[in-house]
Amino acid sequence: MFKAKDAAETDFDELGLVDLGTTSGVAQPRAVYDTDQKRYVVSWKDARGAAKSTTVNDLARTELRTAPFWPLNDGKRSWVVSTGNVGNVCSGAALTVGTPDLSGFAARVSDALPASTLTVSAEIASSLADRLGRIVNTGVTVDPVTVTQRQTSSLSETKAKLSYSDGSTASLAVDWSASDLQRLATAGPGTYTVTGTVRQRQYAEPFAYNRADPTMYRYERNSKAQYLFIATDDTNNNIASQHLPIRVADTIDALADDNGGRSIEVDLLNRNTRGDRTAEGRVIAGCYWGP
């Protein structure tokens, strides 16, 4: 929650987070002031899309709460007061204004629009969906290949070209039909069709429980390929993550929890158990997120 410092709304003060009394997720939050009851009606949708709402008497009423490793105010961070200020959570859509009147605000801030609403063209919407939505395969092609009679092994080097909905491309190996290869090996000169399946490895799911923002990197060490896995410890929803978990293995499969990946995890920069220090001798402490 932020509050404008002046009438021009050109700078803001952070009032802090608002605890709405829910653990089921908050999406599309919206607050409207009820002039009759002299309080705010706050509405949102939970992780399942269900409408929820509550009331807040004063969104600018704040208090300082202890926050682990918060660098300001002696480790205390501003929050909007909950006790006696935030009401109970109600199910269903709140009775509120359908379209808020921003004419007064728009007179001071150019191009002001209702919260969570932005009209874009169909072309831009399609581009955003392609770029930020779920990426799907849109095409597979294989270039024609000439092979020497009875020497079909060269097909093992032929890869399929793949195209995706976001405009990206890739190539993957193909597992060719054994029966097609056998027929081709005994065939005379001519043009033949060989079928196959694009090779795509399937890994354990979930791959690493409570490990968010995962990144894998293949590298060589002493002429041997290895895989580095780094992620955010999401055990407590990213709140004051105390360390940075890292795994190293010879295969991607070996990094998965189901294959012992958690047991090989390195507890890097754990401020509680390791106490790693900077060059100046100070303990490295803070919240850690995977790159």
C-alpha atoms as a PDB file:
ATOM      1  CA  MET A   1       0.000   0.000   0.000  1.00  0.00           C
ATOM      2  CA  PHE A   2       1.339   3.440  -0.974  1.00  0.00           C
ATOM      3  CA  LYS A   3       0.199   6.974  -0.199  1.00  0.00           C
ATOM      4  CA  ALA A   4       0.853  10.008  -2.360  1.00  0.00           C
ATOM      5  CA  LYS A   5       3.120  12.620  -0.800  1.00  0.00           C
ATOM      6  CA  ASP A   6       1.509  15.553  -2.577  1.00  0.00           C
ATOM      7  CA  ALA A   7      -1.550  16.522  -4.621  1.00  0.00           C
ATOM      8  CA  ALA A   8       0.277  15.882  -7.894  1.00  0.00           C
ATOM      9  CA  GLU A   9       0.798  12.193  -7.012  1.00  0.00           C
ATOM     10  CA  THR A  10       4.362  12.369  -8.308  1.00  0.00           C
ATOM     11  CA  ASP A  11       5.943  10.667  -5.286  1.00  0.00           C
ATOM     12  CA  PHE A  12       4.711   8.094  -2.799  1.00  0.00           C
ATOM     13  CA  ASP A  13       5.372   6.760   0.696  1.00  0.00           C
ATOM     14  CA  GLU A  14       5.132   3.013   1.314  1.00  0.00           C
ATOM     15  CA  LEU A  15       2.573   2.334   4.042  1.00  0.00           C
ATOM     16  CA  GLY A  16       3.213  -1.393   4.032  1.00  0.00           C
ATOM     17  CA  LEU A  17       1.515  -4.691   3.331  1.00  0.00           C
ATOM     18  CA  VAL A  18      -2.131  -5.392   4.166  1.00  0.00           C
ATOM     19  CA  ASP A  19      -2.975  -8.739   5.786  1.00  0.00           C
ATOM     20  CA  LEU A  20      -6.408  -9.532   4.356  1.00  0.00           C
ATOM     21  CA  GLY A  21      -6.794 -12.600   6.561  1.00  0.00           C
ATOM     22  CA  THR A  22      -6.578 -15.196   3.808  1.00  0.00           C
ATOM     23  CA  THR A  23      -4.094 -17.914   2.850  1.00  0.00           C
ATOM     24  CA  SER A  24      -5.770 -18.914  -0.427  1.00  0.00           C
ATOM     25  CA  GLY A  25      -4.111 -16.294  -2.631  1.00  0.00           C
ATOM     26  CA  VAL A  26      -4.962 -12.737  -3.668  1.00  0.00           C
ATOM     27  CA  ALA A  27      -5.400 -11.741  -7.324  1.00  0.00           C
ATOM     28  CA  GLN A  28      -6.933  -8.628  -8.919  1.00  0.00           C
ATOM     29  CA  PRO A  29      -7.234  -6.710  -5.612  1.00  0.00           C
ATOM     30  CA  ARG A  30      -9.409  -3.602  -5.614  1.00  0.00           C
ATOM     31  CA  ALA A  31     -10.371  -1.088  -2.937  1.00  0.00           C
ATOM     32  CA  VAL A  32     -13.368   1.277  -2.994  1.00  0.00           C
ATOM     33  CA  TYR A  33     -14.224   3.739  -0.229  1.00  0.00           C
ATOM     34  CA  ASP A  34     -17.712   3.330   1.277  1.00  0.00           C
ATOM     35  CA  THR A  35     -18.763   6.909   2.068  1.00  0.00           C
ATOM     36  CA  ASP A  36     -21.787   5.735   4.065  1.00  0.00           C
ATOM     37  CA  GLN A  37     -19.920   3.357   6.377  1.00  0.00           C
ATOM     38  CA  LYS A  38     -16.724   5.421   6.172  1.00  0.00           C
ATOM     39  CA  ARG A  39     -14.482   2.461   5.469  1.00  0.00           C
ATOM     40  CA  TYR A  40     -12.877   0.704   2.526  1.00  0.00           C
ATOM     41  CA  VAL A  41     -14.335  -2.344   0.808  1.00  0.00           C
ATOM     42  CA  VAL A  42     -11.469  -4.495  -0.471  1.00  0.00           C
ATOM     43  CA  SER A  43     -12.287  -7.249  -2.966  1.00  0.00           C
ATOM     44  CA  TRP A  44     -10.166  -9.845  -4.760  1.00  0.00           C
ATOM     45  CA  LYS A  45     -10.149 -13.338  -6.277  1.00  0.00           C
ATOM     46  CA  ASP A  46      -8.409 -16.258  -4.633  1.00  0.00           C
ATOM     47  CA  ALA A  47      -6.161 -18.824  -6.331  1.00  0.00           C
ATOM     48  CA  ARG A  48      -9.206 -20.748  -7.559  1.00  0.00           C
ATOM     49  CA  GLY A  49     -10.904 -17.650  -8.966  1.00  0.00           C
ATOM     50  CA  ALA A  50     -13.483 -17.367  -6.169  1.00  0.00           C
ATOM     51  CA  ALA A  51     -14.568 -13.822  -5.279  1.00  0.00           C
ATOM     52  CA  LYS A  52     -13.678 -12.643  -1.765  1.00  0.00           C
ATOM     53  CA  SER A  53     -13.929  -9.361   0.113  1.00  0.00           C
ATOM     54  CA  THR A  54     -13.360  -7.688   3.451  1.00  0.00           C
ATOM     55  CA  THR A  55     -13.420  -4.213   4.950  1.00  0.00           C
ATOM     56  CA  VAL A  56     -10.617  -1.953   6.156  1.00  0.00           C
ATOM     57  CA  ASN A  57     -11.391   1.029   8.340  1.00  0.00           C
ATOM     58  CA  ASP A  58      -8.203   2.943   7.587  1.00  0.00           C
ATOM     59  CA  LEU A  59      -5.648   1.923   4.965  1.00  0.00           C
ATOM     60  CA  ALA A  60      -3.257   4.591   6.222  1.00  0.00           C
ATOM     61  CA  ARG A  61      -3.200   3.297   9.817  1.00  0.00           C
ATOM     62  CA  THR A  62       0.153   1.564  10.189  1.00  0.00           C
ATOM     63  CA  GLU A  63       2.385  -0.095  12.745  1.00  0.00           C
ATOM     64  CA  LEU A  64       5.958  -1.398  12.790  1.00  0.00           C
ATOM     65  CA  ARG A  65       6.425  -5.156  12.931  1.00  0.00           C
ATOM     66  CA  THR A  66       9.651  -7.068  13.381  1.00  0.00           C
ATOM     67  CA  ALA A  67      10.887  -8.394  10.020  1.00  0.00           C
ATOM     68  CA  PRO A  68      13.884 -10.759   9.844  1.00  0.00           C
ATOM     69  CA  PHE A  69      16.937  -8.920   8.538  1.00  0.00           C
ATOM     70  CA  TRP A  70      14.980  -5.832   7.485  1.00  0.00           C
ATOM     71  CA  PRO A  71      17.710  -3.165   7.160  1.00  0.00           C
ATOM     72  CA  LEU A  72      15.630  -0.157   8.287  1.00  0.00           C
ATOM     73  CA  ASN A  73      13.946   0.970  11.526  1.00  0.00           C
ATOM     74  CA  ASP A  74      15.970  -1.425  13.701  1.00  0.00           C
ATOM     75  CA  GLY A  75      14.649  -4.441  11.809  1.00  0.00           C
ATOM     76  CA  LYS A  76      11.003  -3.366  11.817  1.00  0.00           C
ATOM     77  CA  ARG A  77       8.815  -2.907   8.738  1.00  0.00           C
ATOM     78  CA  SER A  78       5.616  -0.937   8.263  1.00  0.00           C
ATOM     79  CA  TRP A  79       2.312  -2.836   7.963  1.00  0.00           C
ATOM     80  CA  VAL A  80      -1.281  -1.671   7.784  1.00  0.00           C
ATOM     81  CA  VAL A  81      -2.805  -2.431  11.207  1.00  0.00           C
ATOM     82  CA  SER A  82      -4.944  -5.599  11.252  1.00  0.00           C
ATOM     83  CA  THR A  83      -6.444  -5.821  14.764  1.00  0.00           C
ATOM     84  CA  GLY A  84      -9.587  -3.700  14.996  1.00  0.00           C
ATOM     85  CA  ASN A  85      -8.961  -2.373  11.479  1.00  0.00           C
ATOM     86  CA  VAL A  86      -9.449  -5.256   9.011  1.00  0.00           C
ATOM     87  CA  GLY A  87     -12.773  -7.111   8.983  1.00  0.00           C
ATOM     88  CA  ASN A  88     -13.633 -10.754   8.372  1.00  0.00           C
ATOM     89  CA  VAL A  89     -13.240 -12.351   4.942  1.00  0.00           C
ATOM     90  CA  CYS A  90     -16.543 -12.772   3.080  1.00  0.00           C
ATOM     91  CA  SER A  91     -17.254 -15.039   0.114  1.00  0.00           C
ATOM     92  CA  GLY A  92     -18.870 -13.688  -3.038  1.00  0.00           C
ATOM     93  CA  ALA A  93     -18.481 -10.478  -4.969  1.00  0.00           C
ATOM     94  CA  ALA A  94     -18.627  -7.294  -2.916  1.00  0.00           C
ATOM     95  CA  LEU A  95     -21.396  -4.805  -3.595  1.00  0.00           C
ATOM     96  CA  THR A  96     -19.387  -1.890  -4.899  1.00  0.00           C
ATOM     97  CA  VAL A  97     -18.996   0.525  -7.754  1.00  0.00           C
ATOM     98  CA  GLY A  98     -18.989  -1.130 -11.177  1.00  0.00           C
ATOM     99  CA  THR A  99     -16.632   1.381 -12.770  1.00  0.00           C
ATOM    100  CA  PRO A 100     -14.850   3.820 -10.441  1.00  0.00           C
ATOM    101  CA  ASP A 101     -14.864   7.498 -11.390  1.00  0.00           C
ATOM    102  CA  LEU A 102     -11.281   8.581 -11.946  1.00  0.00           C
ATOM    103  CA  SER A 103     -12.076  11.945 -13.474  1.00  0.00           C
ATOM    104  CA  GLY A 104     -10.628  13.844 -10.536  1.00  0.00           C
ATOM    105  CA  PHE A 105      -7.510  11.726 -10.420  1.00  0.00           C
ATOM    106  CA  ALA A 106      -7.085  11.834 -14.190  1.00  0.00           C
ATOM    107  CA  ALA A 107      -7.105  15.617 -14.083  1.00  0.00           C
ATOM    108  CA  ARG A 108      -3.913  15.485 -12.025  1.00  0.00           C
ATOM    109  CA  VAL A 109      -2.248  12.388 -13.514  1.00  0.00           C
ATOM    110  CA  SER A 110      -2.264  11.964 -17.274  1.00  0.00           C
ATOM    111  CA  ASP A 111      -3.434   8.672 -18.797  1.00  0.00           C
ATOM    112  CA  ALA A 112      -4.893   7.397 -15.519  1.00  0.00           C
ATOM    113  CA  LEU A 113      -6.824   4.131 -15.954  1.00  0.00           C
ATOM    114  CA  PRO A 114      -8.852   1.920 -13.583  1.00  0.00           C
ATOM    115  CA  ALA A 115      -6.706  -0.564 -11.664  1.00  0.00           C
ATOM    116  CA  SER A 116      -6.062  -3.924 -13.327  1.00  0.00           C
ATOM    117  CA  THR A 117      -7.595  -2.723 -16.609  1.00  0.00           C
ATOM    118  CA  LEU A 118      -5.723  -1.850 -19.770  1.00  0.00           C
ATOM    119  CA  THR A 119      -7.209  -2.013 -23.253  1.00  0.00           C
ATOM    120  CA  VAL A 120      -4.861  -3.253 -25.972  1.00  0.00           C
ATOM    121  CA  SER A 121      -5.288  -4.176 -29.618  1.00  0.00           C
ATOM    122  CA  ALA A 122      -5.891  -7.756 -30.739  1.00  0.00           C
ATOM    123  CA  GLU A 123      -2.418  -7.807 -32.266  1.00  0.00           C
ATOM    124  CA  ILE A 124      -0.756  -6.786 -28.982  1.00  0.00           C
ATOM    125  CA  ALA A 125      -2.913  -9.237 -27.010  1.00  0.00           C
ATOM    126  CA  SER A 126      -1.853 -12.049 -29.335  1.00  0.00           C
ATOM    127  CA  SER A 127       1.810 -11.080 -29.017  1.00  0.00           C
ATOM    128  CA  LEU A 128       1.561 -10.983 -25.203  1.00  0.00           C
ATOM    129  CA  ALA A 129      -0.101 -14.396 -25.135  1.00  0.00           C
ATOM    130  CA  ASP A 130       2.614 -15.826 -27.363  1.00  0.00           C
ATOM    131  CA  ARG A 131       5.407 -14.274 -25.326  1.00  0.00           C
ATOM    132  CA  LEU A 132       4.103 -14.706 -21.783  1.00  0.00           C
ATOM    133  CA  GLY A 133       1.593 -17.554 -22.065  1.00  0.00           C
ATOM    134  CA  ARG A 134       2.215 -21.275 -22.174  1.00  0.00           C
ATOM    135  CA  ILE A 135       4.563 -22.098 -25.057  1.00  0.00           C
ATOM    136  CA  VAL A 136       3.407 -24.937 -27.318  1.00  0.00           C
ATOM    137  CA  ASN A 137       4.920 -26.688 -30.296  1.00  0.00           C
ATOM    138  CA  THR A 138       3.481 -25.506 -33.622  1.00  0.00           C
ATOM    139  CA  GLY A 139       5.484 -27.431 -36.184  1.00  0.00           C
ATOM    140  CA  VAL A 140       8.004 -30.218 -36.873  1.00  0.00           C
ATOM    141  CA  THR A 141      10.050 -30.654 -40.059  1.00  0.00           C
ATOM    142  CA  VAL A 142      12.923 -32.878 -41.153  1.00  0.00           C
ATOM    143  CA  ASP A 143      15.075 -32.046 -44.151  1.00  0.00           C
ATOM    144  CA  PRO A 144      15.442 -34.722 -46.867  1.00  0.00           C
ATOM    145  CA  VAL A 145      18.490 -36.939 -46.320  1.00  0.00           C
ATOM    146  CA  THR A 146      20.517 -38.951 -48.836  1.00  0.00           C
ATOM    147  CA  VAL A 147      22.031 -42.172 -47.463  1.00  0.00           C
ATOM    148  CA  THR A 148      24.286 -44.806 -48.963  1.00  0.00           C
ATOM    149  CA  GLN A 149      22.510 -48.052 -49.710  1.00  0.00           C
ATOM    150  CA  ARG A 150      22.458 -50.398 -46.678  1.00  0.00           C
ATOM    151  CA  GLN A 151      24.023 -47.700 -44.447  1.00  0.00           C
ATOM    152  CA  THR A 152      21.112 -46.285 -42.459  1.00  0.00           C
ATOM    153  CA  SER A 153      23.170 -45.525 -39.351  1.00  0.00           C
ATOM    154  CA  SER A 154      23.808 -41.992 -40.641  1.00  0.00           C
ATOM    155  CA  LEU A 155      20.158 -41.170 -39.914  1.00  0.00           C
ATOM    156  CA  SER A 156      21.007 -41.122 -36.211  1.00  0.00           C
ATOM    157  CA  GLU A 157      22.608 -37.711 -36.768  1.00  0.00           C
ATOM    158  CA  THR A 158      19.486 -36.281 -38.455  1.00  0.00           C
ATOM    159  CA  LYS A 159      17.474 -34.003 -36.181  1.00  0.00           C
ATOM    160  CA  ALA A 160      13.949 -32.621 -36.331  1.00  0.00           C
ATOM    161  CA  LYS A 161      13.485 -28.862 -36.561  1.00  0.00           C
ATOM    162  CA  LEU A 162      10.870 -27.586 -34.120  1.00  0.00           C
ATOM    163  CA  SER A 163       8.946 -24.312 -34.067  1.00  0.00           C
ATOM    164  CA  TYR A 164       7.001 -22.886 -31.107  1.00  0.00           C
ATOM    165  CA  SER A 165       4.149 -20.486 -30.487  1.00  0.00           C
ATOM    166  CA  ASP A 166       6.434 -17.716 -29.210  1.00  0.00           C
ATOM    167  CA  GLY A 167       8.416 -17.701 -32.463  1.00  0.00           C
ATOM    168  CA  SER A 168      11.390 -19.636 -31.090  1.00  0.00           C
ATOM    169  CA  THR A 169      12.930 -22.700 -32.742  1.00  0.00           C
ATOM    170  CA  ALA A 170      14.934 -25.721 -31.606  1.00  0.00           C
ATOM    171  CA  SER A 171      16.175 -29.085 -32.831  1.00  0.00           C
ATOM    172  CA  LEU A 172      15.936 -32.502 -31.207  1.00  0.00           C
ATOM    173  CA  ALA A 173      17.079 -36.008 -32.038  1.00  0.00           C
ATOM    174  CA  VAL A 174      14.614 -38.498 -33.489  1.00  0.00           C
ATOM    175  CA  ASP A 175      14.009 -42.151 -32.583  1.00  0.00           C
ATOM    176  CA  TRP A 176      13.416 -43.646 -36.047  1.00  0.00           C
ATOM    177  CA  SER A 177      11.087 -46.581 -36.578  1.00  0.00           C
ATOM    178  CA  ALA A 178      13.090 -49.809 -36.394  1.00  0.00           C
ATOM    179  CA  SER A 179      10.864 -51.518 -38.991  1.00  0.00           C
ATOM    180  CA  ASP A 180      11.218 -48.568 -41.388  1.00  0.00           C
ATOM    181  CA  LEU A 181      15.001 -48.645 -41.009  1.00  0.00           C
ATOM    182  CA  GLN A 182      15.049 -52.390 -41.647  1.00  0.00           C
ATOM    183  CA  ARG A 183      13.073 -52.004 -44.865  1.00  0.00           C
ATOM    184  CA  LEU A 184      15.262 -49.090 -45.955  1.00  0.00           C
ATOM    185  CA  ALA A 185      18.438 -51.134 -45.388  1.00  0.00           C
ATOM    186  CA  THR A 186      17.356 -53.692 -47.998  1.00  0.00           C
ATOM    187  CA  ALA A 187      15.713 -51.281 -50.443  1.00  0.00           C
ATOM    188  CA  GLY A 188      17.130 -50.268 -53.790  1.00  0.00           C
ATOM    189  CA  PRO A 189      17.703 -46.705 -55.040  1.00  0.00           C
ATOM    190  CA  GLY A 190      14.672 -44.431 -54.687  1.00  0.00           C
ATOM    191  CA  THR A 191      12.795 -42.078 -52.391  1.00  0.00           C
ATOM    192  CA  TYR A 192      11.437 -43.467 -49.108  1.00  0.00           C
ATOM    193  CA  THR A 193       9.617 -42.154 -46.061  1.00  0.00           C
ATOM    194  CA  VAL A 194      10.925 -43.107 -42.627  1.00  0.00           C
ATOM    195  CA  THR A 195       8.775 -42.312 -39.600  1.00  0.00           C
ATOM    196  CA  GLY A 196      10.015 -41.510 -36.130  1.00  0.00           C
ATOM    197  CA  THR A 197       9.304 -39.906 -32.774  1.00  0.00           C
ATOM    198  CA  VAL A 198      10.998 -36.743 -31.537  1.00  0.00           C
ATOM    199  CA  ARG A 199      13.165 -37.661 -28.568  1.00  0.00           C
ATOM    200  CA  GLN A 200      12.122 -35.711 -25.484  1.00  0.00           C
ATOM    201  CA  ARG A 201      13.167 -36.862 -22.042  1.00  0.00           C
ATOM    202  CA  GLN A 202      10.598 -36.974 -19.270  1.00  0.00           C
ATOM    203  CA  TYR A 203      11.765 -36.155 -15.753  1.00  0.00           C
ATOM    204  CA  ALA A 204      10.299 -36.629 -12.295  1.00  0.00           C
ATOM    205  CA  GLU A 205       7.446 -34.312 -11.336  1.00  0.00           C
ATOM    206  CA  PRO A 206       7.681 -32.444  -9.086  1.00  0.00           C
ATOM    207  CA  PHE A 207      11.378 -32.342  -9.887  1.00  0.00           C
ATOM    208  CA  ALA A 208      12.422 -30.546  -6.702  1.00  0.00           C
ATOM    209  CA  TYR A 209       9.807 -29.950  -4.009  1.00  0.00           C
ATOM    210  CA  ASN A 210       9.697 -26.413  -2.549  1.00  0.00           C
ATOM    211  CA  ARG A 211      12.428 -25.237  -4.922  1.00  0.00           C
ATOM    212  CA  ALA A 212      11.239 -22.225  -6.904  1.00  0.00           C
ATOM    213  CA  ASP A 213      12.952 -20.285  -9.739  1.00  0.00           C
ATOM    214  CA  PRO A 214      15.000 -23.358 -10.781  1.00  0.00           C
ATOM    215  CA  THR A 215      17.954 -22.925 -13.116  1.00  0.00           C
ATOM    216  CA  MET A 216      20.167 -25.659 -14.593  1.00  0.00           C
ATOM    217  CA  TYR A 217      23.570 -25.202 -16.190  1.00  0.00           C
ATOM    218  CA  ARG A 218      25.670 -27.791 -18.025  1.00  0.00           C
ATOM    219  CA  TYR A 219      29.428 -27.394 -17.726  1.00  0.00           C
ATOM    220  CA  GLU A 220      32.586 -29.466 -18.065  1.00  0.00           C
ATOM    221  CA  ARG A 221      35.004 -30.187 -15.252  1.00  0.00           C
ATOM    222  CA  ASN A 222      38.143 -32.256 -15.815  1.00  0.00           C
ATOM    223  CA  SER A 223      36.779 -33.165 -19.273  1.00  0.00           C
ATOM    224  CA  LYS A 224      33.584 -34.503 -17.686  1.00  0.00           C
ATOM    225  CA  ALA A 225      30.090 -33.025 -18.212  1.00  0.00           C
ATOM    226  CA  GLN A 226      28.182 -32.100 -15.042  1.00  0.00           C
ATOM    227  CA  TYR A 227      24.956 -30.311 -14.243  1.00  0.00           C
ATOM    228  CA  LEU A 228      24.455 -27.469 -11.748  1.00  0.00           C
ATOM    229  CA  PHE A 229      21.019 -26.868 -10.223  1.00  0.00           C
ATOM    230  CA  ILE A 230      20.266 -23.701  -8.256  1.00  0.00           C
ATOM    231  CA  ALA A 231      16.898 -22.531  -6.912  1.00  0.00           C
ATOM    232  CA  THR A 232      15.056 -20.538  -4.257  1.00  0.00           C
ATOM    233  CA  ASP A 233      14.068 -22.310  -1.035  1.00  0.00           C
ATOM    234  CA  ASP A 234      10.290 -21.799  -1.193  1.00  0.00           C
ATOM    235  CA  THR A 235       9.453 -23.809   1.931  1.00  0.00           C
ATOM    236  CA  ASN A 236       7.905 -20.769   3.633  1.00  0.00           C
ATOM    237  CA  ASN A 237       6.711 -18.938   0.502  1.00  0.00           C
ATOM    238  CA  ASN A 238       9.964 -17.014   0.004  1.00  0.00           C
ATOM    239  CA  ILE A 239       9.712 -15.303   3.395  1.00  0.00           C
ATOM    240  CA  ALA A 240      13.212 -14.761   4.758  1.00  0.00           C
ATOM    241  CA  SER A 241      14.794 -17.664   2.857  1.00  0.00           C
ATOM    242  CA  GLN A 242      17.826 -18.499   4.980  1.00  0.00           C
ATOM    243  CA  HIS A 243      20.068 -20.096   2.374  1.00  0.00           C
ATOM    244  CA  LEU A 244      20.663 -20.793  -1.310  1.00  0.00           C
ATOM    245  CA  PRO A 245      20.305 -24.508  -2.209  1.00  0.00           C
ATOM    246  CA  ILE A 246      22.657 -25.824  -4.919  1.00  0.00           C
ATOM    247  CA  ARG A 247      22.975 -29.332  -6.399  1.00  0.00           C
ATOM    248  CA  VAL A 248      25.625 -30.820  -8.703  1.00  0.00           C
ATOM    249  CA  ALA A 249      25.334 -34.191 -10.468  1.00  0.00           C
ATOM    250  CA  ASP A 250      26.564 -36.065 -13.519  1.00  0.00           C
ATOM    251  CA  THR A 251      23.041 -36.272 -15.011  1.00  0.00           C
ATOM    252  CA  ILE A 252      19.858 -34.206 -14.902  1.00  0.00           C
ATOM    253  CA  ASP A 253      17.953 -37.216 -13.528  1.00  0.00           C
ATOM    254  CA  ALA A 254      20.258 -37.402 -10.520  1.00  0.00           C
ATOM    255  CA  LEU A 255      19.294 -33.844  -9.527  1.00  0.00           C
ATOM    256  CA  ALA A 256      15.634 -34.784  -8.920  1.00  0.00           C
ATOM    257  CA  ASP A 257      14.283 -35.384  -5.410  1.00  0.00           C
ATOM    258  CA  ASP A 258      13.045 -38.849  -6.385  1.00  0.00           C
ATOM    259  CA  ASN A 259      16.586 -39.843  -7.366  1.00  0.00           C
ATOM    260  CA  GLY A 260      18.360 -38.514  -4.272  1.00  0.00           C
ATOM    261  CA  GLY A 261      18.785 -34.925  -5.403  1.00  0.00           C
ATOM    262  CA  ARG A 262      17.846 -33.464  -2.022  1.00  0.00           C
ATOM    263  CA  SER A 263      20.550 -35.522  -0.281  1.00  0.00           C
ATOM    264  CA  ILE A 264      23.317 -34.003  -2.454  1.00  0.00           C
ATOM    265  CA  GLU A 265      22.119 -30.440  -1.966  1.00  0.00           C
ATOM    266  CA  VAL A 266      24.738 -27.966  -0.746  1.00  0.00           C
ATOM    267  CA  ASP A 267      23.435 -25.626   1.946  1.00  0.00           C
ATOM    268  CA  LEU A 268      25.146 -22.500   0.638  1.00  0.00           C
ATOM    269  CA  LEU A 269      25.214 -19.224   2.600  1.00  0.00           C
ATOM    270  CA  ASN A 270      22.997 -20.504   5.433  1.00  0.00           C
ATOM    271  CA  ARG A 271      23.190 -17.686   7.968  1.00  0.00           C
ATOM    272  CA  ASN A 272      22.055 -19.969  10.799  1.00  0.00           C
ATOM    273  CA  THR A 273      24.209 -23.068  10.314  1.00  0.00           C
ATOM    274  CA  ARG A 274      27.201 -21.927   8.241  1.00  0.00           C
ATOM    275  CA  GLY A 275      27.753 -18.282   9.038  1.00  0.00           C
ATOM    276  CA  ASP A 276      29.645 -17.590   5.793  1.00  0.00           C
ATOM    277  CA  ARG A 277      31.447 -14.265   6.019  1.00  0.00           C
ATOM    278  CA  THR A 278      32.433 -11.462   3.696  1.00  0.00           C
ATOM    279  CA  ALA A 279      36.046 -10.379   3.122  1.00  0.00           C
ATOM    280  CA  GLU A 280      35.455  -7.853   5.909  1.00  0.00           C
ATOM    281  CA  GLY A 281      34.493 -10.636   8.321  1.00  0.00           C
ATOM    282  CA  ARG A 282      30.763  -9.899   8.510  1.00  0.00           C
ATOM    283  CA  VAL A 283      28.206 -12.737   8.340  1.00  0.00           C
ATOM    284  CA  ILE A 284      26.445 -12.855   4.971  1.00  0.00           C
ATOM    285  CA  ALA A 285      22.752 -12.580   5.848  1.00  0.00           C
ATOM    286  CA  GLY A 286      19.624 -11.790   3.948  1.00  0.00           C
ATOM    287  CA  CYS A 287      16.944 -13.396   1.802  1.00  0.00           C
ATOM    288  CA  TYR A 288      18.215 -15.500  -1.094  1.00  0.00           C
ATOM    289  CA  TRP A 289      16.577 -16.107  -4.460  1.00  0.00           C
ATOM    290  CA  GLY A 290      17.777 -18.296  -7.323  1.00  0.00           C
ATOM    291  CA  PRO A 291      18.990 -16.384 -10.416  1.00  0.00           C
END
